[in-house]
N, C-alpha and C. Protein backbone atom coordinates (compact mmCIF):
# COMPACT_ATOMS: atom_id res chain seq x y z
N GLN A 1 176.93 241.49 -12.26
CA GLN A 1 177.99 241.30 -12.83
C GLN A 1 177.79 241.68 -14.08
N ALA A 2 178.81 242.93 -14.63
CA ALA A 2 179.12 243.99 -15.23
C ALA A 2 178.76 243.74 -16.58
N GLN A 3 177.88 244.21 -17.38
CA GLN A 3 177.21 243.82 -18.78
C GLN A 3 177.08 244.90 -19.61
N LEU A 4 177.36 244.69 -20.32
CA LEU A 4 176.90 245.63 -21.59
C LEU A 4 176.13 245.17 -23.43
N VAL A 5 175.29 245.95 -23.58
CA VAL A 5 174.50 244.98 -24.94
C VAL A 5 174.68 246.25 -25.38
N GLU A 6 174.65 245.42 -26.85
CA GLU A 6 174.44 246.69 -27.78
C GLU A 6 173.55 246.13 -28.83
N SER A 7 173.09 247.46 -29.28
CA SER A 7 171.59 247.03 -30.18
C SER A 7 171.54 248.39 -31.12
N GLY A 8 171.39 248.67 -32.72
CA GLY A 8 170.47 248.95 -33.60
C GLY A 8 171.55 248.88 -34.22
N GLY A 9 172.37 247.83 -34.81
CA GLY A 9 173.15 247.29 -35.79
C GLY A 9 172.09 246.96 -36.84
N GLY A 10 172.30 247.15 -38.15
CA GLY A 10 171.64 246.46 -39.39
C GLY A 10 172.24 246.67 -40.68
N LEU A 11 171.42 246.54 -41.87
CA LEU A 11 172.18 246.82 -42.87
C LEU A 11 171.29 248.20 -43.51
N VAL A 12 172.10 249.12 -44.17
CA VAL A 12 171.98 250.75 -44.47
C VAL A 12 172.26 250.90 -46.04
N GLN A 13 172.31 251.27 -47.01
CA GLN A 13 172.31 251.56 -48.20
C GLN A 13 173.41 252.85 -47.43
N PRO A 14 174.86 253.00 -48.67
CA PRO A 14 175.12 253.92 -48.52
C PRO A 14 174.42 255.52 -48.38
N GLY A 15 175.39 256.00 -48.02
CA GLY A 15 175.05 257.66 -47.56
C GLY A 15 174.11 257.50 -46.48
N GLY A 16 173.79 256.31 -46.08
CA GLY A 16 172.37 256.08 -44.29
C GLY A 16 173.17 256.43 -43.31
N SER A 17 171.86 256.26 -42.35
CA SER A 17 172.14 256.57 -40.90
C SER A 17 171.75 255.38 -40.07
N LEU A 18 172.26 255.22 -39.58
CA LEU A 18 172.28 254.19 -37.74
C LEU A 18 172.50 254.51 -36.73
N ARG A 19 171.61 254.51 -35.51
CA ARG A 19 172.51 254.32 -34.59
C ARG A 19 172.39 253.69 -33.63
N LEU A 20 173.65 253.15 -33.31
CA LEU A 20 174.07 251.93 -32.27
C LEU A 20 173.29 253.19 -30.32
N SER A 21 173.39 251.10 -29.78
CA SER A 21 173.48 252.15 -28.57
C SER A 21 173.62 251.06 -27.31
N CYS A 22 174.33 251.38 -26.52
CA CYS A 22 174.97 250.28 -25.09
C CYS A 22 174.24 250.35 -23.64
N ALA A 23 173.18 249.38 -24.25
CA ALA A 23 173.50 249.57 -22.82
C ALA A 23 174.23 249.02 -20.88
N ALA A 24 174.21 249.79 -19.92
CA ALA A 24 175.66 249.43 -19.49
C ALA A 24 174.63 248.91 -18.38
N SER A 25 175.57 247.68 -17.66
CA SER A 25 174.55 246.89 -15.72
C SER A 25 175.84 246.92 -15.70
N GLY A 26 175.40 246.85 -14.05
CA GLY A 26 176.30 246.25 -12.88
C GLY A 26 177.39 247.07 -12.46
N PHE A 27 178.15 248.14 -13.29
CA PHE A 27 178.97 248.65 -12.57
C PHE A 27 178.73 249.91 -12.43
N ASN A 28 179.02 250.84 -12.33
CA ASN A 28 178.97 252.20 -12.59
C ASN A 28 179.54 253.16 -13.57
N PHE A 29 178.32 253.84 -14.53
CA PHE A 29 178.22 253.42 -15.72
C PHE A 29 179.05 255.27 -15.72
N LYS A 30 178.90 256.17 -14.63
CA LYS A 30 179.28 257.34 -14.94
C LYS A 30 180.00 257.68 -14.53
N TRP A 31 181.36 256.69 -14.36
CA TRP A 31 182.42 256.78 -13.35
C TRP A 31 183.55 256.12 -15.45
N ALA A 32 182.74 255.34 -15.55
CA ALA A 32 183.92 254.64 -16.53
C ALA A 32 183.81 255.67 -18.23
N ASP A 33 184.94 256.00 -18.20
CA ASP A 33 185.13 255.66 -19.92
C ASP A 33 184.74 254.77 -21.26
N VAL A 34 183.81 255.39 -21.82
CA VAL A 34 183.06 254.23 -22.82
C VAL A 34 183.53 254.67 -24.65
N SER A 35 183.44 253.91 -25.13
CA SER A 35 184.27 254.01 -26.62
C SER A 35 183.57 253.22 -27.19
N TRP A 36 183.25 253.39 -28.62
CA TRP A 36 182.95 252.55 -29.86
C TRP A 36 184.06 252.04 -30.46
N TYR A 37 184.09 250.58 -30.62
CA TYR A 37 185.23 249.72 -31.35
C TYR A 37 184.65 249.42 -32.85
N ARG A 38 185.37 248.48 -33.74
CA ARG A 38 184.65 247.70 -34.25
C ARG A 38 186.08 247.03 -35.01
N GLN A 39 185.09 245.96 -35.30
CA GLN A 39 186.44 245.17 -36.35
C GLN A 39 185.51 244.60 -37.58
N ALA A 40 186.29 244.83 -38.21
CA ALA A 40 185.72 244.17 -40.43
C ALA A 40 186.86 243.50 -40.10
N PRO A 41 186.06 242.46 -41.07
CA PRO A 41 186.62 240.85 -41.56
C PRO A 41 187.41 240.97 -41.76
N GLY A 42 188.90 240.35 -41.46
CA GLY A 42 189.87 239.74 -41.80
C GLY A 42 191.25 241.47 -40.82
N LYS A 43 190.59 241.81 -39.95
CA LYS A 43 190.97 243.50 -40.15
C LYS A 43 191.15 243.74 -38.30
N GLU A 44 192.20 244.07 -37.56
CA GLU A 44 192.02 244.10 -36.48
C GLU A 44 191.45 245.23 -35.92
N ARG A 45 190.75 245.28 -34.46
CA ARG A 45 190.24 245.69 -33.73
C ARG A 45 190.12 247.31 -33.81
N GLU A 46 189.19 248.29 -34.46
CA GLU A 46 189.99 249.51 -34.48
C GLU A 46 189.01 250.90 -33.21
N MET A 47 190.14 251.96 -32.45
CA MET A 47 188.83 252.29 -31.67
C MET A 47 188.23 253.58 -32.96
N VAL A 48 186.94 253.40 -32.85
CA VAL A 48 186.54 255.09 -33.20
C VAL A 48 185.18 255.22 -32.99
N ALA A 49 185.40 255.85 -31.88
CA ALA A 49 184.69 256.98 -30.90
C ALA A 49 185.13 256.60 -29.23
N THR A 50 185.33 257.54 -29.04
CA THR A 50 185.62 257.61 -27.25
C THR A 50 185.14 258.85 -26.71
N ILE A 51 184.62 258.31 -25.00
CA ILE A 51 184.28 259.53 -24.59
C ILE A 51 183.98 259.58 -23.16
N THR A 52 184.75 260.88 -21.95
CA THR A 52 185.28 260.66 -21.05
C THR A 52 183.77 260.24 -20.09
N ARG A 53 184.54 260.39 -18.97
CA ARG A 53 183.42 260.26 -18.02
C ARG A 53 182.39 261.51 -18.11
N PRO A 54 183.20 262.80 -17.56
CA PRO A 54 182.07 263.76 -17.40
C PRO A 54 181.09 264.07 -18.81
N GLY A 55 183.05 263.67 -20.29
CA GLY A 55 181.70 263.72 -21.09
C GLY A 55 181.55 264.80 -21.91
N GLN A 56 182.99 266.07 -21.17
CA GLN A 56 183.45 267.07 -22.32
C GLN A 56 184.91 266.78 -23.12
N PHE A 57 185.30 265.04 -22.64
CA PHE A 57 186.59 265.32 -24.09
C PHE A 57 185.43 263.77 -25.22
N LYS A 58 185.98 264.22 -25.92
CA LYS A 58 185.40 263.34 -27.36
C LYS A 58 186.62 263.28 -28.16
N ASN A 59 187.02 261.81 -28.94
CA ASN A 59 187.77 261.77 -30.43
C ASN A 59 186.89 260.67 -30.95
N TYR A 60 187.86 261.27 -32.05
CA TYR A 60 187.33 260.12 -32.89
C TYR A 60 187.91 259.59 -34.28
N ALA A 61 187.69 258.04 -34.64
CA ALA A 61 188.86 258.07 -35.35
C ALA A 61 188.98 258.30 -36.45
N GLU A 62 190.05 259.10 -37.46
CA GLU A 62 189.93 260.04 -38.38
C GLU A 62 188.93 259.56 -39.62
N SER A 63 189.21 258.12 -39.74
CA SER A 63 187.79 257.56 -41.18
C SER A 63 186.38 257.97 -40.28
N VAL A 64 185.93 258.70 -39.35
CA VAL A 64 185.21 258.74 -39.47
C VAL A 64 184.45 260.45 -38.83
N GLN A 65 185.76 260.93 -38.34
CA GLN A 65 185.29 262.03 -37.95
C GLN A 65 184.74 263.15 -38.95
N GLY A 66 183.71 263.92 -38.08
CA GLY A 66 182.34 264.88 -38.85
C GLY A 66 181.51 264.07 -39.81
N ARG A 67 181.17 262.63 -39.42
CA ARG A 67 180.50 261.48 -39.50
C ARG A 67 179.87 260.86 -38.66
N PHE A 68 180.67 260.43 -37.66
CA PHE A 68 180.58 259.85 -36.28
C PHE A 68 179.77 260.98 -34.93
N THR A 69 178.60 260.70 -34.38
CA THR A 69 178.93 261.31 -32.84
C THR A 69 178.76 260.66 -32.30
N ILE A 70 180.11 260.45 -31.11
CA ILE A 70 178.96 259.68 -29.44
C ILE A 70 178.36 260.14 -28.82
N SER A 71 178.09 260.16 -27.95
CA SER A 71 177.27 260.55 -26.75
C SER A 71 177.03 259.40 -25.62
N ARG A 72 176.53 259.80 -24.20
CA ARG A 72 176.10 259.16 -23.56
C ARG A 72 174.94 259.53 -22.39
N ASP A 73 174.35 259.13 -21.38
CA ASP A 73 173.07 259.41 -20.90
C ASP A 73 173.41 258.82 -20.06
N ASN A 74 174.08 260.16 -19.14
CA ASN A 74 175.12 258.81 -17.14
C ASN A 74 173.11 258.57 -16.94
N ASP A 75 172.34 259.12 -16.68
CA ASP A 75 171.63 258.71 -15.81
C ASP A 75 169.95 257.10 -16.56
N ARG A 76 170.42 257.04 -17.90
CA ARG A 76 170.73 255.53 -18.41
C ARG A 76 170.75 254.52 -18.66
N ASN A 77 172.43 254.74 -18.35
CA ASN A 77 173.58 253.95 -18.50
C ASN A 77 173.39 253.40 -19.58
N THR A 78 173.31 254.89 -20.62
CA THR A 78 173.70 254.01 -22.39
C THR A 78 174.54 255.20 -22.76
N LEU A 79 175.18 254.25 -23.69
CA LEU A 79 176.34 255.06 -24.78
C LEU A 79 175.54 254.82 -26.46
N TYR A 80 175.90 255.93 -27.07
CA TYR A 80 175.46 255.72 -28.95
C TYR A 80 176.04 256.29 -29.41
N LEU A 81 175.93 255.91 -30.32
CA LEU A 81 177.18 255.74 -31.16
C LEU A 81 176.55 256.74 -32.71
N GLN A 82 175.57 258.09 -33.05
CA GLN A 82 174.91 258.39 -34.63
C GLN A 82 176.31 258.41 -35.44
N MET A 83 175.53 257.62 -37.01
CA MET A 83 176.48 257.04 -37.97
C MET A 83 175.29 257.64 -39.06
N ASN A 84 176.75 259.24 -39.57
CA ASN A 84 175.76 259.11 -40.73
C ASN A 84 176.40 259.64 -41.89
N SER A 85 175.82 259.32 -42.92
CA SER A 85 176.37 259.36 -44.31
C SER A 85 178.08 257.71 -44.53
N LEU A 86 177.02 257.00 -44.06
CA LEU A 86 177.80 255.63 -43.79
C LEU A 86 178.10 255.62 -45.40
N ARG A 87 179.81 254.88 -45.17
CA ARG A 87 179.90 253.94 -46.73
C ARG A 87 180.08 252.81 -46.44
N PRO A 88 180.80 252.10 -47.57
CA PRO A 88 180.47 250.10 -48.05
C PRO A 88 182.02 249.69 -46.61
N GLU A 89 182.94 250.85 -46.21
CA GLU A 89 184.17 250.77 -45.34
C GLU A 89 183.16 250.48 -44.02
N ASP A 90 182.80 251.47 -43.46
CA ASP A 90 182.00 251.12 -42.76
C ASP A 90 181.51 250.01 -42.31
N THR A 91 181.68 248.70 -43.31
CA THR A 91 180.57 247.62 -42.84
C THR A 91 181.67 246.68 -41.43
N ALA A 92 180.79 246.30 -40.58
CA ALA A 92 181.46 246.00 -39.32
C ALA A 92 180.51 245.54 -38.34
N VAL A 93 181.18 244.54 -37.17
CA VAL A 93 181.25 244.32 -35.89
C VAL A 93 181.46 245.76 -34.51
N TYR A 94 181.16 246.10 -34.42
CA TYR A 94 180.60 247.56 -33.96
C TYR A 94 180.45 247.06 -32.69
N TYR A 95 181.58 247.43 -31.63
CA TYR A 95 181.42 246.77 -29.64
C TYR A 95 181.86 247.99 -28.99
N CYS A 96 180.91 248.01 -27.92
CA CYS A 96 180.66 248.76 -26.22
C CYS A 96 182.35 248.28 -26.37
N HIS A 97 183.57 249.72 -25.33
CA HIS A 97 183.81 248.90 -24.44
C HIS A 97 184.01 250.56 -23.68
N ALA A 98 183.40 250.12 -21.55
CA ALA A 98 184.02 250.40 -20.66
C ALA A 98 185.07 250.43 -19.74
N ARG A 99 185.52 251.10 -19.22
CA ARG A 99 186.51 251.10 -18.62
C ARG A 99 186.69 252.22 -17.10
N ALA A 100 186.61 251.06 -15.79
CA ALA A 100 186.19 251.92 -14.79
C ALA A 100 186.74 250.92 -13.81
N LEU A 101 186.90 251.77 -12.54
CA LEU A 101 188.19 251.59 -11.74
C LEU A 101 189.45 250.48 -12.39
N GLY A 102 190.14 250.92 -13.81
CA GLY A 102 190.73 249.80 -14.14
C GLY A 102 190.86 248.33 -14.56
N ASP A 103 189.13 248.43 -14.75
CA ASP A 103 188.15 247.06 -15.18
C ASP A 103 188.07 247.82 -16.29
N ASP A 104 188.46 246.73 -17.69
CA ASP A 104 187.82 246.49 -18.91
C ASP A 104 186.62 245.09 -19.12
N TYR A 105 185.29 245.96 -19.60
CA TYR A 105 184.76 245.66 -19.98
C TYR A 105 183.64 245.24 -21.13
N TRP A 106 183.79 243.97 -22.27
CA TRP A 106 183.21 244.43 -23.67
C TRP A 106 181.53 244.13 -23.50
N GLY A 107 180.84 244.66 -24.45
CA GLY A 107 179.82 244.01 -25.32
C GLY A 107 180.04 242.73 -26.68
N GLN A 108 178.30 242.42 -26.41
CA GLN A 108 178.89 241.24 -27.99
C GLN A 108 178.90 241.47 -29.10
N GLY A 109 178.49 242.28 -28.92
CA GLY A 109 178.53 243.44 -30.32
C GLY A 109 177.42 243.86 -31.67
N THR A 110 177.54 244.19 -32.45
CA THR A 110 176.23 244.69 -33.05
C THR A 110 176.80 244.83 -35.03
N GLN A 111 176.01 243.91 -35.65
CA GLN A 111 177.01 243.81 -37.25
C GLN A 111 176.43 245.25 -37.93
N VAL A 112 176.68 245.69 -38.51
CA VAL A 112 176.30 246.11 -38.95
C VAL A 112 176.85 247.07 -40.63
N THR A 113 175.74 247.07 -41.49
CA THR A 113 176.64 246.48 -42.68
C THR A 113 176.27 246.96 -44.10
N VAL A 114 177.00 248.03 -44.06
CA VAL A 114 176.84 248.92 -45.48
C VAL A 114 177.19 248.63 -46.65
N SER A 115 175.61 248.39 -47.37
CA SER A 115 175.45 247.82 -49.43
C SER A 115 174.59 248.36 -49.36
N SER A 116 174.83 248.28 -51.30
CA SER A 116 173.40 248.58 -51.85
C SER A 116 172.72 247.54 -52.22
């Protein structure tokens, strides 16, 4: 059974950093396009960053460009999101997503709160 499990969320002050992780199992992770999404209260879920199967192509939402970095470790079946210079507007539940062979998988989400 395919599973994505996020971790690393928490409370951080503005300007701080967090590193999210997403552990994948039950499907061929190295052949999946994987992404981070987020959803703030009262807002629609939005794509934050995506990375293709070989890890050669990365795409970021304009709001996080230059502050967030997406990466993957195919040997560990893990996706990462390094978040620097965090702002209060980054507060949201962050979700890991994978698309492999036409199937979509979602994690349960991890809360990130940026507040002083």
